[in-house]
Amino acid sequence: MLGQLRQEHSFHRLPKDPRTFLSTPRKSVIRKVDPGCYCHIGIQKSLQQQYQILQETPTDIIEIGINIDGLPLTKSSSSQFYPILGVVKKMFVDLSEDDEKNVPECPIIQTINPVMLND
């Protein structure tokens, strides 16, 4: 996906490798917080990395969307990861109105699959 984004003029400075893009840390400080563990990365560090990679200057007001959702670690355990994700740049992708969620039939599914698969 980074390869496709790099082809666009506004994203030509993105790195080719996702590990570079994500600035994969070599060490993490993990604290014990009952009943589990916690690894703090921080909003400030994440924002600095994002603006540095995209080579943009932050505005006076930055809107951040936060999402927290549990992901099971294994099928045989009740333990879950709870990634806390922040979104700075919002983009409207699609709008659907229906009595039920027909996800496989939504046009966004057909258009995003090639992007996800790097086709």
N, C-alpha and C. Protein backbone atom coordinates (compact mmCIF):
# COMPACT_ATOMS: atom_id res chain seq x y z
N MET A 1 0.82 -1.18 0.00
CA MET A 1 0.00 0.00 0.00
C MET A 1 0.88 1.26 0.00
N LEU A 2 2.00 1.22 0.72
CA LEU A 2 2.89 2.38 0.72
C LEU A 2 3.42 2.65 -0.68
N GLY A 3 3.67 1.58 -1.44
CA GLY A 3 4.15 1.74 -2.81
C GLY A 3 3.16 2.49 -3.67
N GLN A 4 1.88 2.16 -3.52
CA GLN A 4 0.84 2.85 -4.30
C GLN A 4 0.70 4.30 -3.86
N LEU A 5 0.76 4.54 -2.57
CA LEU A 5 0.64 5.91 -2.07
C LEU A 5 1.82 6.77 -2.54
N ARG A 6 3.03 6.17 -2.61
CA ARG A 6 4.22 6.92 -3.03
C ARG A 6 4.09 7.43 -4.47
N GLN A 7 3.26 6.76 -5.28
CA GLN A 7 3.08 7.17 -6.67
C GLN A 7 2.33 8.49 -6.77
N GLU A 8 1.53 8.82 -5.75
CA GLU A 8 0.81 10.08 -5.73
C GLU A 8 1.78 11.19 -5.33
N HIS A 9 1.66 12.34 -5.96
CA HIS A 9 2.60 13.45 -5.73
C HIS A 9 2.69 13.86 -4.26
N SER A 10 1.55 13.94 -3.58
CA SER A 10 1.57 14.44 -2.21
C SER A 10 2.16 13.43 -1.22
N PHE A 11 2.34 12.17 -1.63
CA PHE A 11 2.88 11.15 -0.73
C PHE A 11 4.24 10.62 -1.20
N HIS A 12 4.91 11.31 -2.11
CA HIS A 12 6.15 10.78 -2.67
C HIS A 12 7.28 10.63 -1.65
N ARG A 13 7.17 11.27 -0.50
CA ARG A 13 8.22 11.18 0.52
C ARG A 13 7.98 10.06 1.53
N LEU A 14 6.89 9.32 1.38
CA LEU A 14 6.65 8.21 2.29
C LEU A 14 7.73 7.15 2.10
N PRO A 15 8.14 6.48 3.18
CA PRO A 15 9.13 5.42 3.03
C PRO A 15 8.52 4.20 2.34
N LYS A 16 9.37 3.34 1.80
CA LYS A 16 8.91 2.13 1.14
C LYS A 16 8.56 1.04 2.14
N ASP A 17 9.25 1.02 3.25
CA ASP A 17 9.11 -0.05 4.23
C ASP A 17 8.18 0.36 5.36
N PRO A 18 7.19 -0.47 5.70
CA PRO A 18 6.25 -0.12 6.77
C PRO A 18 6.93 0.03 8.13
N ARG A 19 8.03 -0.68 8.35
CA ARG A 19 8.72 -0.56 9.64
C ARG A 19 9.31 0.84 9.81
N THR A 20 9.79 1.41 8.71
CA THR A 20 10.29 2.78 8.76
C THR A 20 9.14 3.74 8.99
N PHE A 21 8.03 3.52 8.28
CA PHE A 21 6.85 4.37 8.40
C PHE A 21 6.33 4.39 9.83
N LEU A 22 6.29 3.23 10.44
CA LEU A 22 5.75 3.13 11.79
C LEU A 22 6.79 3.43 12.87
N SER A 23 8.03 3.67 12.46
CA SER A 23 9.12 3.90 13.42
C SER A 23 9.09 2.84 14.51
N THR A 24 9.18 1.60 14.08
CA THR A 24 9.10 0.47 15.00
C THR A 24 10.14 0.62 16.10
N PRO A 25 9.68 0.71 17.35
CA PRO A 25 10.63 0.90 18.45
C PRO A 25 11.46 -0.36 18.69
N ARG A 26 12.69 -0.17 19.13
CA ARG A 26 13.57 -1.30 19.44
C ARG A 26 13.36 -1.78 20.87
N LYS A 27 12.95 -0.88 21.75
CA LYS A 27 12.67 -1.22 23.14
C LYS A 27 11.34 -0.59 23.53
N SER A 28 10.61 -1.27 24.38
CA SER A 28 9.35 -0.74 24.90
C SER A 28 9.36 -0.86 26.41
N VAL A 29 8.83 0.16 27.06
CA VAL A 29 8.69 0.11 28.51
C VAL A 29 7.28 -0.38 28.80
N ILE A 30 7.20 -1.56 29.37
CA ILE A 30 5.90 -2.16 29.68
C ILE A 30 5.73 -2.14 31.19
N ARG A 31 4.64 -1.51 31.63
CA ARG A 31 4.36 -1.40 33.06
C ARG A 31 3.26 -2.36 33.44
N LYS A 32 3.33 -2.87 34.66
CA LYS A 32 2.28 -3.71 35.20
C LYS A 32 1.19 -2.80 35.74
N VAL A 33 0.00 -2.91 35.18
CA VAL A 33 -1.16 -2.14 35.63
C VAL A 33 -2.28 -3.16 35.82
N ASP A 34 -2.64 -3.42 37.07
CA ASP A 34 -3.62 -4.47 37.34
C ASP A 34 -4.93 -4.22 36.62
N PRO A 35 -5.48 -5.20 35.99
CA PRO A 35 -5.10 -6.61 36.03
C PRO A 35 -4.17 -7.04 34.89
N GLY A 36 -3.55 -6.13 34.17
CA GLY A 36 -2.72 -6.51 33.03
C GLY A 36 -1.45 -5.69 32.92
N CYS A 37 -1.07 -5.39 31.70
CA CYS A 37 0.15 -4.61 31.41
C CYS A 37 -0.20 -3.44 30.51
N TYR A 38 0.68 -2.44 30.47
CA TYR A 38 0.42 -1.23 29.70
C TYR A 38 1.72 -0.74 29.09
N CYS A 39 1.67 -0.39 27.82
CA CYS A 39 2.82 0.18 27.12
C CYS A 39 2.40 1.55 26.60
N HIS A 40 3.04 2.62 27.10
CA HIS A 40 2.68 3.98 26.73
C HIS A 40 3.57 4.48 25.61
N ILE A 41 2.98 4.89 24.52
CA ILE A 41 3.72 5.47 23.39
C ILE A 41 3.53 6.98 23.40
N GLY A 42 2.31 7.42 23.54
CA GLY A 42 2.03 8.83 23.71
C GLY A 42 1.55 9.55 22.47
N ILE A 43 0.61 10.45 22.67
CA ILE A 43 0.04 11.22 21.57
C ILE A 43 1.09 12.16 20.98
N GLN A 44 1.87 12.81 21.83
CA GLN A 44 2.85 13.78 21.34
C GLN A 44 3.86 13.12 20.41
N LYS A 45 4.40 11.98 20.82
CA LYS A 45 5.39 11.28 20.00
C LYS A 45 4.77 10.82 18.69
N SER A 46 3.56 10.29 18.76
CA SER A 46 2.88 9.82 17.54
C SER A 46 2.61 10.97 16.57
N LEU A 47 2.17 12.11 17.10
CA LEU A 47 1.92 13.28 16.24
C LEU A 47 3.21 13.78 15.60
N GLN A 48 4.28 13.85 16.39
CA GLN A 48 5.56 14.30 15.84
C GLN A 48 6.02 13.39 14.71
N GLN A 49 5.87 12.08 14.89
CA GLN A 49 6.27 11.13 13.85
C GLN A 49 5.43 11.31 12.60
N GLN A 50 4.13 11.47 12.78
CA GLN A 50 3.25 11.61 11.62
C GLN A 50 3.58 12.86 10.83
N TYR A 51 3.73 13.99 11.50
CA TYR A 51 4.02 15.23 10.79
C TYR A 51 5.42 15.23 10.18
N GLN A 52 6.35 14.54 10.83
CA GLN A 52 7.70 14.45 10.27
C GLN A 52 7.70 13.60 9.00
N ILE A 53 7.00 12.48 9.01
CA ILE A 53 6.94 11.60 7.84
C ILE A 53 6.26 12.30 6.68
N LEU A 54 5.15 12.97 6.93
CA LEU A 54 4.41 13.63 5.86
C LEU A 54 4.97 15.01 5.54
N GLN A 55 5.94 15.45 6.32
CA GLN A 55 6.57 16.76 6.15
C GLN A 55 5.53 17.88 6.06
N GLU A 56 4.66 17.88 7.04
CA GLU A 56 3.63 18.91 7.14
C GLU A 56 3.85 19.70 8.42
N THR A 57 3.34 20.90 8.44
CA THR A 57 3.38 21.73 9.64
C THR A 57 2.02 21.63 10.32
N PRO A 58 2.01 21.27 11.61
CA PRO A 58 0.73 21.17 12.30
C PRO A 58 0.03 22.52 12.39
N THR A 59 -1.27 22.49 12.37
CA THR A 59 -2.07 23.71 12.52
C THR A 59 -2.25 24.01 14.00
N ASP A 60 -2.90 25.14 14.30
CA ASP A 60 -3.15 25.51 15.69
C ASP A 60 -4.09 24.53 16.38
N ILE A 61 -5.01 23.97 15.62
CA ILE A 61 -5.98 23.03 16.18
C ILE A 61 -5.81 21.69 15.48
N ILE A 62 -5.64 20.64 16.27
CA ILE A 62 -5.52 19.29 15.73
C ILE A 62 -6.67 18.48 16.30
N GLU A 63 -7.54 17.98 15.43
CA GLU A 63 -8.64 17.12 15.87
C GLU A 63 -8.14 15.68 15.86
N ILE A 64 -8.37 14.98 16.97
CA ILE A 64 -7.92 13.60 17.09
C ILE A 64 -9.11 12.73 17.43
N GLY A 65 -9.32 11.70 16.64
CA GLY A 65 -10.33 10.69 16.94
C GLY A 65 -9.66 9.52 17.65
N ILE A 66 -10.24 9.05 18.73
CA ILE A 66 -9.67 7.95 19.51
C ILE A 66 -10.60 6.75 19.43
N ASN A 67 -10.02 5.56 19.21
CA ASN A 67 -10.79 4.33 19.13
C ASN A 67 -10.10 3.27 20.00
N ILE A 68 -10.87 2.60 20.84
CA ILE A 68 -10.35 1.53 21.68
C ILE A 68 -11.23 0.31 21.44
N ASP A 69 -10.60 -0.80 21.11
CA ASP A 69 -11.36 -2.02 20.86
C ASP A 69 -10.51 -3.21 21.26
N GLY A 70 -11.13 -4.21 21.84
CA GLY A 70 -10.40 -5.39 22.30
C GLY A 70 -10.13 -6.39 21.18
N LEU A 71 -8.93 -6.95 21.19
CA LEU A 71 -8.54 -7.99 20.23
C LEU A 71 -8.10 -9.21 21.02
N PRO A 72 -8.75 -10.37 20.83
CA PRO A 72 -8.34 -11.56 21.58
C PRO A 72 -6.91 -11.97 21.22
N LEU A 73 -6.14 -12.37 22.23
CA LEU A 73 -4.77 -12.82 21.98
C LEU A 73 -4.75 -14.23 21.41
N THR A 74 -5.53 -15.12 22.00
CA THR A 74 -5.64 -16.50 21.50
C THR A 74 -7.07 -16.96 21.68
N LYS A 75 -7.40 -18.06 21.00
CA LYS A 75 -8.75 -18.61 21.14
C LYS A 75 -8.96 -19.24 22.51
N SER A 76 -7.88 -19.73 23.12
CA SER A 76 -8.01 -20.46 24.38
C SER A 76 -7.84 -19.57 25.61
N SER A 77 -7.68 -18.28 25.42
CA SER A 77 -7.46 -17.37 26.55
C SER A 77 -8.49 -16.25 26.53
N SER A 78 -8.79 -15.74 27.71
CA SER A 78 -9.71 -14.60 27.77
C SER A 78 -8.95 -13.27 27.71
N SER A 79 -7.61 -13.33 27.64
CA SER A 79 -6.81 -12.11 27.55
C SER A 79 -7.01 -11.42 26.21
N GLN A 80 -6.99 -10.09 26.23
CA GLN A 80 -7.16 -9.31 25.01
C GLN A 80 -6.18 -8.15 24.99
N PHE A 81 -5.78 -7.76 23.78
CA PHE A 81 -5.08 -6.49 23.58
C PHE A 81 -6.13 -5.42 23.40
N TYR A 82 -5.88 -4.25 23.92
CA TYR A 82 -6.76 -3.11 23.70
C TYR A 82 -5.94 -1.99 23.08
N PRO A 83 -5.73 -2.05 21.76
CA PRO A 83 -4.99 -0.95 21.14
C PRO A 83 -5.79 0.34 21.23
N ILE A 84 -5.11 1.42 21.56
CA ILE A 84 -5.73 2.73 21.62
C ILE A 84 -5.22 3.49 20.40
N LEU A 85 -6.07 3.64 19.41
CA LEU A 85 -5.68 4.21 18.13
C LEU A 85 -6.18 5.64 18.00
N GLY A 86 -5.34 6.50 17.48
CA GLY A 86 -5.72 7.88 17.23
C GLY A 86 -5.66 8.19 15.75
N VAL A 87 -6.64 8.93 15.28
CA VAL A 87 -6.69 9.33 13.87
C VAL A 87 -6.67 10.85 13.81
N VAL A 88 -5.75 11.40 13.03
CA VAL A 88 -5.65 12.85 12.90
C VAL A 88 -6.30 13.30 11.61
N LYS A 89 -5.95 12.69 10.52
CA LYS A 89 -6.50 13.08 9.22
C LYS A 89 -7.73 12.22 8.94
N LYS A 90 -8.87 12.85 8.91
CA LYS A 90 -10.11 12.13 8.62
C LYS A 90 -10.43 12.30 7.15
N MET A 91 -10.95 11.24 6.57
CA MET A 91 -11.41 11.36 5.19
C MET A 91 -12.70 10.58 5.05
N PHE A 92 -13.63 11.16 4.35
CA PHE A 92 -14.91 10.53 4.10
C PHE A 92 -14.73 9.53 2.98
N VAL A 93 -15.03 8.27 3.23
CA VAL A 93 -14.77 7.22 2.26
C VAL A 93 -16.04 6.77 1.56
N ASP A 94 -17.10 6.56 2.30
CA ASP A 94 -18.31 6.00 1.71
C ASP A 94 -19.49 6.26 2.64
N LEU A 95 -20.67 6.17 2.09
CA LEU A 95 -21.89 6.32 2.86
C LEU A 95 -22.88 5.28 2.36
N SER A 96 -23.47 4.54 3.28
CA SER A 96 -24.41 3.50 2.90
C SER A 96 -25.65 3.61 3.77
N GLU A 97 -26.80 3.41 3.17
CA GLU A 97 -28.06 3.39 3.91
C GLU A 97 -28.80 2.14 3.50
N ASP A 98 -29.14 1.32 4.48
CA ASP A 98 -29.81 0.06 4.19
C ASP A 98 -30.43 -0.44 5.48
N ASP A 99 -31.33 -1.40 5.36
CA ASP A 99 -31.94 -1.99 6.55
C ASP A 99 -30.97 -2.94 7.26
N GLU A 100 -29.99 -3.45 6.52
CA GLU A 100 -29.01 -4.34 7.12
C GLU A 100 -27.64 -4.05 6.51
N LYS A 101 -26.62 -4.49 7.18
CA LYS A 101 -25.26 -4.25 6.69
C LYS A 101 -24.91 -5.28 5.62
N ASN A 102 -24.89 -4.86 4.38
CA ASN A 102 -24.49 -5.73 3.28
C ASN A 102 -23.04 -5.43 2.93
N VAL A 103 -22.15 -5.68 3.87
CA VAL A 103 -20.75 -5.29 3.71
C VAL A 103 -20.12 -5.84 2.44
N PRO A 104 -20.25 -7.14 2.12
CA PRO A 104 -19.58 -7.63 0.91
C PRO A 104 -20.07 -6.98 -0.37
N GLU A 105 -21.28 -6.42 -0.37
CA GLU A 105 -21.82 -5.82 -1.58
C GLU A 105 -21.55 -4.32 -1.67
N CYS A 106 -20.99 -3.72 -0.64
CA CYS A 106 -20.67 -2.29 -0.68
C CYS A 106 -19.57 -2.04 -1.71
N PRO A 107 -19.71 -0.99 -2.54
CA PRO A 107 -18.67 -0.69 -3.53
C PRO A 107 -17.30 -0.44 -2.91
N ILE A 108 -17.25 0.04 -1.66
CA ILE A 108 -15.95 0.30 -1.04
C ILE A 108 -15.14 -0.98 -0.92
N ILE A 109 -15.81 -2.11 -0.71
CA ILE A 109 -15.10 -3.38 -0.59
C ILE A 109 -14.38 -3.71 -1.89
N GLN A 110 -15.06 -3.53 -3.03
CA GLN A 110 -14.43 -3.82 -4.32
C GLN A 110 -13.30 -2.83 -4.62
N THR A 111 -13.43 -1.58 -4.21
CA THR A 111 -12.39 -0.60 -4.53
C THR A 111 -11.20 -0.66 -3.59
N ILE A 112 -11.41 -1.10 -2.35
CA ILE A 112 -10.29 -1.10 -1.41
C ILE A 112 -9.49 -2.39 -1.46
N ASN A 113 -10.09 -3.50 -1.92
CA ASN A 113 -9.35 -4.76 -1.98
C ASN A 113 -8.07 -4.66 -2.79
N PRO A 114 -8.06 -4.07 -4.00
CA PRO A 114 -6.79 -3.96 -4.73
C PRO A 114 -5.74 -3.13 -3.99
N VAL A 115 -6.19 -2.11 -3.26
CA VAL A 115 -5.26 -1.28 -2.51
C VAL A 115 -4.64 -2.10 -1.37
N MET A 116 -5.48 -2.85 -0.66
CA MET A 116 -5.00 -3.67 0.45
C MET A 116 -4.07 -4.77 -0.03
N LEU A 117 -4.32 -5.30 -1.22
CA LEU A 117 -3.52 -6.40 -1.75
C LEU A 117 -2.34 -5.93 -2.58
N ASN A 118 -2.15 -4.61 -2.69
CA ASN A 118 -1.07 -4.02 -3.50
C ASN A 118 -1.16 -4.41 -4.97
N ASP A 119 -2.37 -4.53 -5.50
CA ASP A 119 -2.54 -4.85 -6.93
C ASP A 119 -2.38 -3.62 -7.78
